[in-house]
């Protein structure tokens, strides 16, 4: 790289010389996104339950809102997974071209 690092340390210079290629960075970002999708799918129903229990306790409608928000949470988790899978398929198609 032509830019010099301001710190001038040996470690920093080594990192600049061995900077990741653009394709490697993209692959790393995909791996990070893939590792977080599980949490998104798992936590969405729990967030729905928490909202439903809170509203049920305030409105006295237990268990109706809890069940409704559980279903909404499951749907939201599934939608997140679907969007992620669709994005990965589109990126794979772009790579093959």
PDB file of N, CA and C in Angstrom:
ATOM      1  N   UNK A   1       0.838  -1.175   0.000  1.00  0.00           N
ATOM      2  CA  UNK A   1       0.000   0.000   0.000  1.00  0.00           C
ATOM      3  C   UNK A   1       0.886   1.241   0.000  1.00  0.00           C
ATOM      4  N   UNK A   2       0.423   2.270  -0.616  1.00  0.00           N
ATOM      5  CA  UNK A   2       1.216   3.491  -0.687  1.00  0.00           C
ATOM      6  C   UNK A   2       1.034   4.365   0.541  1.00  0.00           C
ATOM      7  N   UNK A   3      -0.067   4.196   1.275  1.00  0.00           N
ATOM      8  CA  UNK A   3      -0.310   5.014   2.450  1.00  0.00           C
ATOM      9  C   UNK A   3       0.508   4.491   3.619  1.00  0.00           C
ATOM     10  N   UNK A   4       1.098   5.390   4.359  1.00  0.00           N
ATOM     11  CA  UNK A   4       1.835   5.019   5.554  1.00  0.00           C
ATOM     12  C   UNK A   4       0.921   5.154   6.757  1.00  0.00           C
ATOM     13  N   UNK A   5       1.062   4.226   7.665  1.00  0.00           N
ATOM     14  CA  UNK A   5       0.285   4.290   8.894  1.00  0.00           C
ATOM     15  C   UNK A   5       0.928   5.318   9.824  1.00  0.00           C
ATOM     16  N   UNK A   6       0.111   6.026  10.549  1.00  0.00           N
ATOM     17  CA  UNK A   6       0.609   7.063  11.429  1.00  0.00           C
ATOM     18  C   UNK A   6       1.348   6.494  12.635  1.00  0.00           C
ATOM     19  N   UNK A   7       0.976   5.307  13.075  1.00  0.00           N
ATOM     20  CA  UNK A   7       1.633   4.765  14.261  1.00  0.00           C
ATOM     21  C   UNK A   7       3.032   4.254  13.937  1.00  0.00           C
ATOM     22  N   UNK A   8       3.256   3.727  12.742  1.00  0.00           N
ATOM     23  CA  UNK A   8       4.576   3.291  12.313  1.00  0.00           C
ATOM     24  C   UNK A   8       5.070   2.017  12.974  1.00  0.00           C
ATOM     25  N   UNK A   9       4.213   1.289  13.666  1.00  0.00           N
ATOM     26  CA  UNK A   9       4.672   0.078  14.334  1.00  0.00           C
ATOM     27  C   UNK A   9       4.865  -1.049  13.331  1.00  0.00           C
ATOM     28  N   UNK A  10       5.663  -2.008  13.718  1.00  0.00           N
ATOM     29  CA  UNK A  10       5.954  -3.153  12.847  1.00  0.00           C
ATOM     30  C   UNK A  10       4.686  -3.978  12.628  1.00  0.00           C
ATOM     31  N   UNK A  11       3.902  -4.163  13.675  1.00  0.00           N
ATOM     32  CA  UNK A  11       2.673  -4.948  13.553  1.00  0.00           C
ATOM     33  C   UNK A  11       1.711  -4.281  12.585  1.00  0.00           C
ATOM     34  N   UNK A  12       1.564  -2.985  12.700  1.00  0.00           N
ATOM     35  CA  UNK A  12       0.650  -2.254  11.824  1.00  0.00           C
ATOM     36  C   UNK A  12       1.119  -2.329  10.369  1.00  0.00           C
ATOM     37  N   UNK A  13       2.412  -2.199  10.147  1.00  0.00           N
ATOM     38  CA  UNK A  13       2.928  -2.306   8.780  1.00  0.00           C
ATOM     39  C   UNK A  13       2.681  -3.691   8.212  1.00  0.00           C
ATOM     40  N   UNK A  14       2.835  -4.717   9.049  1.00  0.00           N
ATOM     41  CA  UNK A  14       2.584  -6.087   8.609  1.00  0.00           C
ATOM     42  C   UNK A  14       1.112  -6.256   8.222  1.00  0.00           C
ATOM     43  N   UNK A  15       0.227  -5.677   9.015  1.00  0.00           N
ATOM     44  CA  UNK A  15      -1.202  -5.773   8.703  1.00  0.00           C
ATOM     45  C   UNK A  15      -1.539  -5.067   7.397  1.00  0.00           C
ATOM     46  N   UNK A  16      -0.910  -3.935   7.154  1.00  0.00           N
ATOM     47  CA  UNK A  16      -1.171  -3.209   5.911  1.00  0.00           C
ATOM     48  C   UNK A  16      -0.657  -3.994   4.709  1.00  0.00           C
ATOM     49  N   UNK A  17       0.494  -4.623   4.856  1.00  0.00           N
ATOM     50  CA  UNK A  17       1.055  -5.394   3.747  1.00  0.00           C
ATOM     51  C   UNK A  17       0.210  -6.613   3.435  1.00  0.00           C
ATOM     52  N   UNK A  18      -0.355  -7.212   4.463  1.00  0.00           N
ATOM     53  CA  UNK A  18      -1.123  -8.445   4.288  1.00  0.00           C
ATOM     54  C   UNK A  18      -2.622  -8.190   4.416  1.00  0.00           C
ATOM     55  N   UNK A  19      -3.061  -7.054   3.949  1.00  0.00           N
ATOM     56  CA  UNK A  19      -4.485  -6.715   4.026  1.00  0.00           C
ATOM     57  C   UNK A  19      -5.298  -7.726   3.244  1.00  0.00           C
ATOM     58  N   UNK A  20      -6.494  -7.989   3.758  1.00  0.00           N
ATOM     59  CA  UNK A  20      -7.362  -8.970   3.111  1.00  0.00           C
ATOM     60  C   UNK A  20      -7.797  -8.484   1.736  1.00  0.00           C
ATOM     61  N   UNK A  21      -7.899  -9.427   0.842  1.00  0.00           N
ATOM     62  CA  UNK A  21      -8.435  -9.106  -0.469  1.00  0.00           C
ATOM     63  C   UNK A  21      -9.931  -8.863  -0.345  1.00  0.00           C
ATOM     64  N   UNK A  22     -10.469  -8.177  -1.326  1.00  0.00           N
ATOM     65  CA  UNK A  22     -11.886  -7.815  -1.305  1.00  0.00           C
ATOM     66  C   UNK A  22     -12.770  -9.054  -1.201  1.00  0.00           C
ATOM     67  N   UNK A  23     -12.440 -10.107  -1.907  1.00  0.00           N
ATOM     68  CA  UNK A  23     -13.237 -11.336  -1.892  1.00  0.00           C
ATOM     69  C   UNK A  23     -13.194 -12.000  -0.515  1.00  0.00           C
ATOM     70  N   UNK A  24     -12.036 -11.971   0.126  1.00  0.00           N
ATOM     71  CA  UNK A  24     -11.932 -12.557   1.458  1.00  0.00           C
ATOM     72  C   UNK A  24     -12.755 -11.782   2.477  1.00  0.00           C
ATOM     73  N   UNK A  25     -12.783 -10.469   2.342  1.00  0.00           N
ATOM     74  CA  UNK A  25     -13.590  -9.658   3.240  1.00  0.00           C
ATOM     75  C   UNK A  25     -15.069  -9.966   3.066  1.00  0.00           C
ATOM     76  N   UNK A  26     -15.483 -10.167   1.825  1.00  0.00           N
ATOM     77  CA  UNK A  26     -16.882 -10.475   1.548  1.00  0.00           C
ATOM     78  C   UNK A  26     -17.260 -11.826   2.159  1.00  0.00           C
ATOM     79  N   UNK A  27     -16.366 -12.793   2.030  1.00  0.00           N
ATOM     80  CA  UNK A  27     -16.606 -14.114   2.602  1.00  0.00           C
ATOM     81  C   UNK A  27     -16.683 -14.034   4.121  1.00  0.00           C
ATOM     82  N   UNK A  28     -15.809 -13.252   4.721  1.00  0.00           N
ATOM     83  CA  UNK A  28     -15.827 -13.076   6.167  1.00  0.00           C
ATOM     84  C   UNK A  28     -17.136 -12.439   6.626  1.00  0.00           C
ATOM     85  N   UNK A  29     -17.601 -11.440   5.904  1.00  0.00           N
ATOM     86  CA  UNK A  29     -18.866 -10.791   6.253  1.00  0.00           C
ATOM     87  C   UNK A  29     -20.041 -11.766   6.132  1.00  0.00           C
ATOM     88  N   UNK A  30     -20.012 -12.633   5.141  1.00  0.00           N
ATOM     89  CA  UNK A  30     -21.068 -13.629   4.995  1.00  0.00           C
ATOM     90  C   UNK A  30     -21.049 -14.596   6.173  1.00  0.00           C
ATOM     91  N   UNK A  31     -19.867 -14.980   6.618  1.00  0.00           N
ATOM     92  CA  UNK A  31     -19.762 -15.877   7.764  1.00  0.00           C
ATOM     93  C   UNK A  31     -20.294 -15.218   9.032  1.00  0.00           C
ATOM     94  N   UNK A  32     -20.003 -13.949   9.197  1.00  0.00           N
ATOM     95  CA  UNK A  32     -20.514 -13.219  10.368  1.00  0.00           C
ATOM     96  C   UNK A  32     -22.038 -13.148  10.322  1.00  0.00           C
ATOM     97  N   UNK A  33     -22.580 -12.839   9.165  1.00  0.00           N
ATOM     98  CA  UNK A  33     -24.040 -12.767   9.033  1.00  0.00           C
ATOM     99  C   UNK A  33     -24.680 -14.140   9.265  1.00  0.00           C
ATOM    100  N   UNK A  34     -24.039 -15.189   8.766  1.00  0.00           N
ATOM    101  CA  UNK A  34     -24.579 -16.535   8.949  1.00  0.00           C
ATOM    102  C   UNK A  34     -24.566 -16.932  10.420  1.00  0.00           C
ATOM    103  N   UNK A  35     -23.582 -16.465  11.165  1.00  0.00           N
ATOM    104  CA  UNK A  35     -23.524 -16.825  12.579  1.00  0.00           C
ATOM    105  C   UNK A  35     -24.560 -16.069  13.399  1.00  0.00           C
ATOM    106  N   UNK A  36     -25.008 -14.917  12.942  1.00  0.00           N
ATOM    107  CA  UNK A  36     -25.997 -14.161  13.705  1.00  0.00           C
ATOM    108  C   UNK A  36     -27.437 -14.533  13.351  1.00  0.00           C
ATOM    109  N   UNK A  37     -27.655 -15.177  12.227  1.00  0.00           N
ATOM    110  CA  UNK A  37     -29.023 -15.479  11.819  1.00  0.00           C
ATOM    111  C   UNK A  37     -29.685 -16.448  12.804  1.00  0.00           C
ATOM    112  N   UNK A  38     -28.922 -17.338  13.394  1.00  0.00           N
ATOM    113  CA  UNK A  38     -29.478 -18.258  14.385  1.00  0.00           C
ATOM    114  C   UNK A  38     -30.033 -17.530  15.596  1.00  0.00           C
ATOM    115  N   UNK A  39     -29.298 -16.523  16.051  1.00  0.00           N
ATOM    116  CA  UNK A  39     -29.773 -15.724  17.181  1.00  0.00           C
ATOM    117  C   UNK A  39     -31.035 -14.952  16.807  1.00  0.00           C
ATOM    118  N   UNK A  40     -31.071 -14.437  15.610  1.00  0.00           N
ATOM    119  CA  UNK A  40     -32.243 -13.681  15.181  1.00  0.00           C
ATOM    120  C   UNK A  40     -33.480 -14.567  15.145  1.00  0.00           C
ATOM    121  N   UNK A  41     -33.323 -15.771  14.628  1.00  0.00           N
ATOM    122  CA  UNK A  41     -34.459 -16.689  14.529  1.00  0.00           C
ATOM    123  C   UNK A  41     -34.873 -17.165  15.922  1.00  0.00           C
ATOM    124  N   UNK A  42     -33.902 -17.390  16.801  1.00  0.00           N
ATOM    125  CA  UNK A  42     -34.207 -17.911  18.134  1.00  0.00           C
ATOM    126  C   UNK A  42     -34.825 -16.855  19.049  1.00  0.00           C
ATOM    127  N   UNK A  43     -34.351 -15.625  18.987  1.00  0.00           N
ATOM    128  CA  UNK A  43     -34.813 -14.606  19.918  1.00  0.00           C
ATOM    129  C   UNK A  43     -36.128 -13.950  19.508  1.00  0.00           C
ATOM    130  N   UNK A  44     -36.482 -13.985  18.250  1.00  0.00           N
ATOM    131  CA  UNK A  44     -37.710 -13.324  17.804  1.00  0.00           C
ATOM    132  C   UNK A  44     -38.954 -13.856  18.533  1.00  0.00           C
ATOM    133  N   UNK A  45     -39.133 -15.176  18.686  1.00  0.00           N
ATOM    134  CA  UNK A  45     -40.314 -15.647  19.436  1.00  0.00           C
ATOM    135  C   UNK A  45     -40.294 -15.225  20.903  1.00  0.00           C
ATOM    136  N   UNK A  46     -39.108 -15.195  21.519  1.00  0.00           N
ATOM    137  CA  UNK A  46     -39.028 -14.789  22.924  1.00  0.00           C
ATOM    138  C   UNK A  46     -39.383 -13.311  23.102  1.00  0.00           C
ATOM    139  N   UNK A  47     -38.984 -12.513  22.156  1.00  0.00           N
ATOM    140  CA  UNK A  47     -39.357 -11.094  22.206  1.00  0.00           C
ATOM    141  C   UNK A  47     -40.871 -10.964  22.043  1.00  0.00           C
ATOM    142  N   UNK A  48     -41.443 -11.750  21.139  1.00  0.00           N
ATOM    143  CA  UNK A  48     -42.899 -11.741  20.968  1.00  0.00           C
ATOM    144  C   UNK A  48     -43.624 -12.170  22.234  1.00  0.00           C
ATOM    145  N   UNK A  49     -43.111 -13.206  22.896  1.00  0.00           N
ATOM    146  CA  UNK A  49     -43.722 -13.662  24.148  1.00  0.00           C
ATOM    147  C   UNK A  49     -43.637 -12.568  25.208  1.00  0.00           C
ATOM    148  N   UNK A  50     -42.469 -11.922  25.311  1.00  0.00           N
ATOM    149  CA  UNK A  50     -42.294 -10.875  26.320  1.00  0.00           C
ATOM    150  C   UNK A  50     -43.271  -9.723  26.093  1.00  0.00           C
ATOM    151  N   UNK A  51     -43.425  -9.323  24.848  1.00  0.00           N
ATOM    152  CA  UNK A  51     -44.374  -8.237  24.543  1.00  0.00           C
ATOM    153  C   UNK A  51     -45.798  -8.680  24.862  1.00  0.00           C
ATOM    154  N   UNK A  52     -46.141  -9.915  24.487  1.00  0.00           N
ATOM    155  CA  UNK A  52     -47.483 -10.430  24.741  1.00  0.00           C
ATOM    156  C   UNK A  52     -47.802 -10.544  26.218  1.00  0.00           C
ATOM    157  N   UNK A  53     -46.847 -11.056  27.012  1.00  0.00           N
ATOM    158  CA  UNK A  53     -47.067 -11.176  28.456  1.00  0.00           C
ATOM    159  C   UNK A  53     -47.233  -9.792  29.083  1.00  0.00           C
ATOM    160  N   UNK A  54     -46.401  -8.848  28.654  1.00  0.00           N
ATOM    161  CA  UNK A  54     -46.506  -7.490  29.189  1.00  0.00           C
ATOM    162  C   UNK A  54     -47.876  -6.888  28.888  1.00  0.00           C
ATOM    163  N   UNK A  55     -48.291  -6.974  27.639  1.00  0.00           N
ATOM    164  CA  UNK A  55     -49.588  -6.401  27.271  1.00  0.00           C
ATOM    165  C   UNK A  55     -50.743  -7.140  27.942  1.00  0.00           C
ATOM    166  N   UNK A  56     -50.635  -8.472  28.042  1.00  0.00           N
ATOM    167  CA  UNK A  56     -51.679  -9.241  28.719  1.00  0.00           C
ATOM    168  C   UNK A  56     -51.800  -8.847  30.189  1.00  0.00           C
ATOM    169  N   UNK A  57     -50.662  -8.597  30.838  1.00  0.00           N
ATOM    170  CA  UNK A  57     -50.711  -8.207  32.248  1.00  0.00           C
ATOM    171  C   UNK A  57     -51.337  -6.822  32.418  1.00  0.00           C
ATOM    172  N   UNK A  58     -51.106  -5.930  31.471  1.00  0.00           N
ATOM    173  CA  UNK A  58     -51.677  -4.580  31.546  1.00  0.00           C
ATOM    174  C   UNK A  58     -53.162  -4.555  31.183  1.00  0.00           C
ATOM    175  N   UNK A  59     -53.537  -5.397  30.211  1.00  0.00           N
ATOM    176  CA  UNK A  59     -54.913  -5.362  29.707  1.00  0.00           C
ATOM    177  C   UNK A  59     -55.804  -6.465  30.277  1.00  0.00           C
ATOM    178  N   UNK A  60     -55.209  -7.440  30.976  1.00  0.00           N
ATOM    179  CA  UNK A  60     -55.988  -8.529  31.549  1.00  0.00           C
ATOM    180  C   UNK A  60     -56.557  -9.473  30.514  1.00  0.00           C
ATOM    181  N   UNK A  61     -55.841  -9.718  29.462  1.00  0.00           N
ATOM    182  CA  UNK A  61     -56.335 -10.569  28.377  1.00  0.00           C
ATOM    183  C   UNK A  61     -55.552 -11.866  28.244  1.00  0.00           C
ATOM    184  N   UNK A  62     -54.868 -12.285  29.299  1.00  0.00           N
ATOM    185  CA  UNK A  62     -54.028 -13.478  29.225  1.00  0.00           C
ATOM    186  C   UNK A  62     -54.830 -14.668  28.768  1.00  0.00           C
ATOM    187  N   UNK A  63     -54.388 -15.478  27.865  1.00  0.00           N
ATOM    188  CA  UNK A  63     -53.145 -15.651  27.124  1.00  0.00           C
ATOM    189  C   UNK A  63     -53.239 -15.206  25.678  1.00  0.00           C
ATOM    190  N   UNK A  64     -54.277 -14.472  25.338  1.00  0.00           N
ATOM    191  CA  UNK A  64     -54.550 -14.185  23.930  1.00  0.00           C
ATOM    192  C   UNK A  64     -53.438 -13.374  23.254  1.00  0.00           C
ATOM    193  N   UNK A  65     -53.016 -12.289  23.849  1.00  0.00           N
ATOM    194  CA  UNK A  65     -51.965 -11.477  23.229  1.00  0.00           C
ATOM    195  C   UNK A  65     -50.615 -12.188  23.252  1.00  0.00           C
ATOM    196  N   UNK A  66     -50.379 -13.000  24.292  1.00  0.00           N
ATOM    197  CA  UNK A  66     -49.131 -13.762  24.352  1.00  0.00           C
ATOM    198  C   UNK A  66     -49.037 -14.722  23.171  1.00  0.00           C
ATOM    199  N   UNK A  67     -50.110 -15.431  22.918  1.00  0.00           N
ATOM    200  CA  UNK A  67     -50.124 -16.376  21.793  1.00  0.00           C
ATOM    201  C   UNK A  67     -50.003 -15.624  20.466  1.00  0.00           C
ATOM    202  N   UNK A  68     -50.721 -14.515  20.355  1.00  0.00           N
ATOM    203  CA  UNK A  68     -50.666 -13.746  19.106  1.00  0.00           C
ATOM    204  C   UNK A  68     -49.252 -13.227  18.837  1.00  0.00           C
ATOM    205  N   UNK A  69     -48.599 -12.658  19.866  1.00  0.00           N
ATOM    206  CA  UNK A  69     -47.257 -12.132  19.659  1.00  0.00           C
ATOM    207  C   UNK A  69     -46.216 -13.243  19.517  1.00  0.00           C
ATOM    208  N   UNK A  70     -46.475 -14.423  20.084  1.00  0.00           N
ATOM    209  CA  UNK A  70     -45.597 -15.568  19.841  1.00  0.00           C
ATOM    210  C   UNK A  70     -45.621 -15.932  18.359  1.00  0.00           C
ATOM    211  N   UNK A  71     -46.818 -15.969  17.790  1.00  0.00           N
ATOM    212  CA  UNK A  71     -46.955 -16.282  16.361  1.00  0.00           C
ATOM    213  C   UNK A  71     -46.277 -15.208  15.514  1.00  0.00           C
ATOM    214  N   UNK A  72     -46.444 -13.936  15.897  1.00  0.00           N
ATOM    215  CA  UNK A  72     -45.781 -12.848  15.172  1.00  0.00           C
ATOM    216  C   UNK A  72     -44.259 -12.993  15.280  1.00  0.00           C
ATOM    217  N   UNK A  73     -43.758 -13.362  16.456  1.00  0.00           N
ATOM    218  CA  UNK A  73     -42.318 -13.555  16.637  1.00  0.00           C
ATOM    219  C   UNK A  73     -41.778 -14.696  15.803  1.00  0.00           C
ATOM    220  N   UNK A  74     -42.506 -15.788  15.737  1.00  0.00           N
ATOM    221  CA  UNK A  74     -42.082 -16.919  14.903  1.00  0.00           C
ATOM    222  C   UNK A  74     -42.057 -16.500  13.432  1.00  0.00           C
ATOM    223  N   UNK A  75     -43.080 -15.779  13.014  1.00  0.00           N
ATOM    224  CA  UNK A  75     -43.131 -15.302  11.623  1.00  0.00           C
ATOM    225  C   UNK A  75     -41.974 -14.344  11.339  1.00  0.00           C
ATOM    226  N   UNK A  76     -41.661 -13.463  12.285  1.00  0.00           N
ATOM    227  CA  UNK A  76     -40.558 -12.517  12.084  1.00  0.00           C
ATOM    228  C   UNK A  76     -39.225 -13.259  11.979  1.00  0.00           C
ATOM    229  N   UNK A  77     -39.017 -14.263  12.813  1.00  0.00           N
ATOM    230  CA  UNK A  77     -37.790 -15.058  12.729  1.00  0.00           C
ATOM    231  C   UNK A  77     -37.680 -15.793  11.401  1.00  0.00           C
ATOM    232  N   UNK A  78     -38.792 -16.360  10.963  1.00  0.00           N
ATOM    233  CA  UNK A  78     -38.793 -17.041   9.671  1.00  0.00           C
ATOM    234  C   UNK A  78     -38.548 -16.089   8.518  1.00  0.00           C
ATOM    235  N   UNK A  79     -39.098 -14.897   8.601  1.00  0.00           N
ATOM    236  CA  UNK A  79     -38.894 -13.892   7.565  1.00  0.00           C
ATOM    237  C   UNK A  79     -37.428 -13.449   7.514  1.00  0.00           C
ATOM    238  N   UNK A  80     -36.812 -13.280   8.678  1.00  0.00           N
ATOM    239  CA  UNK A  80     -35.381 -12.942   8.712  1.00  0.00           C
ATOM    240  C   UNK A  80     -34.547 -14.023   8.048  1.00  0.00           C
ATOM    241  N   UNK A  81     -34.868 -15.282   8.343  1.00  0.00           N
ATOM    242  CA  UNK A  81     -34.121 -16.386   7.734  1.00  0.00           C
ATOM    243  C   UNK A  81     -34.337 -16.419   6.226  1.00  0.00           C
ATOM    244  N   UNK A  82     -35.580 -16.209   5.790  1.00  0.00           N
ATOM    245  CA  UNK A  82     -35.885 -16.212   4.360  1.00  0.00           C
ATOM    246  C   UNK A  82     -35.110 -15.111   3.635  1.00  0.00           C
ATOM    247  N   UNK A  83     -35.090 -13.915   4.208  1.00  0.00           N
ATOM    248  CA  UNK A  83     -34.356 -12.802   3.584  1.00  0.00           C
ATOM    249  C   UNK A  83     -32.863 -13.112   3.500  1.00  0.00           C
ATOM    250  N   UNK A  84     -32.317 -13.702   4.560  1.00  0.00           N
ATOM    251  CA  UNK A  84     -30.903 -14.055   4.560  1.00  0.00           C
ATOM    252  C   UNK A  84     -30.606 -15.091   3.481  1.00  0.00           C
ATOM    253  N   UNK A  85     -31.425 -16.134   3.399  1.00  0.00           N
ATOM    254  CA  UNK A  85     -31.209 -17.182   2.404  1.00  0.00           C
ATOM    255  C   UNK A  85     -31.324 -16.630   0.985  1.00  0.00           C
ATOM    256  N   UNK A  86     -32.287 -15.759   0.762  1.00  0.00           N
ATOM    257  CA  UNK A  86     -32.469 -15.164  -0.560  1.00  0.00           C
ATOM    258  C   UNK A  86     -31.267 -14.297  -0.936  1.00  0.00           C
ATOM    259  N   UNK A  87     -30.760 -13.529   0.022  1.00  0.00           N
ATOM    260  CA  UNK A  87     -29.589 -12.689  -0.222  1.00  0.00           C
ATOM    261  C   UNK A  87     -28.372 -13.552  -0.554  1.00  0.00           C
ATOM    262  N   UNK A  88     -28.205 -14.655   0.145  1.00  0.00           N
ATOM    263  CA  UNK A  88     -27.070 -15.536  -0.116  1.00  0.00           C
ATOM    264  C   UNK A  88     -27.172 -16.162  -1.510  1.00  0.00           C
ATOM    265  N   UNK A  89     -28.365 -16.540  -1.920  1.00  0.00           N
ATOM    266  CA  UNK A  89     -28.556 -17.109  -3.248  1.00  0.00           C
ATOM    267  C   UNK A  89     -28.217 -16.089  -4.332  1.00  0.00           C
ATOM    268  N   UNK A  90     -28.642 -14.852  -4.141  1.00  0.00           N
ATOM    269  CA  UNK A  90     -28.355 -13.809  -5.130  1.00  0.00           C
ATOM    270  C   UNK A  90     -26.855 -13.535  -5.215  1.00  0.00           C
ATOM    271  N   UNK A  91     -26.177 -13.531  -4.070  1.00  0.00           N
ATOM    272  CA  UNK A  91     -24.730 -13.306  -4.082  1.00  0.00           C
ATOM    273  C   UNK A  91     -23.996 -14.468  -4.735  1.00  0.00           C
ATOM    274  N   UNK A  92     -24.483 -15.692  -4.538  1.00  0.00           N
ATOM    275  CA  UNK A  92     -23.869 -16.850  -5.197  1.00  0.00           C
ATOM    276  C   UNK A  92     -24.044 -16.779  -6.702  1.00  0.00           C
ATOM    277  N   UNK A  93     -25.212 -16.325  -7.161  1.00  0.00           N
ATOM    278  CA  UNK A  93     -25.449 -16.185  -8.602  1.00  0.00           C
ATOM    279  C   UNK A  93     -24.504 -15.137  -9.182  1.00  0.00           C
ATOM    280  N   UNK A  94     -24.327 -14.034  -8.447  1.00  0.00           N
ATOM    281  CA  UNK A  94     -23.419 -12.962  -8.919  1.00  0.00           C
ATOM    282  C   UNK A  94     -21.971 -13.447  -8.993  1.00  0.00           C
ATOM    283  N   UNK A  95     -21.562 -14.300  -8.076  1.00  0.00           N
ATOM    284  CA  UNK A  95     -20.196 -14.823  -8.090  1.00  0.00           C
ATOM    285  C   UNK A  95     -19.949 -15.733  -9.275  1.00  0.00           C
ATOM    286  N   UNK A  96     -20.961 -16.506  -9.652  1.00  0.00           N
ATOM    287  CA  UNK A  96     -20.793 -17.466 -10.735  1.00  0.00           C
ATOM    288  C   UNK A  96     -20.708 -16.785 -12.091  1.00  0.00           C
ATOM    289  N   UNK A  97     -21.201 -15.559 -12.187  1.00  0.00           N
ATOM    290  CA  UNK A  97     -21.192 -14.835 -13.469  1.00  0.00           C
ATOM    291  C   UNK A  97     -19.825 -14.329 -13.804  1.00  0.00           C
TER     292      UNK A  97
END
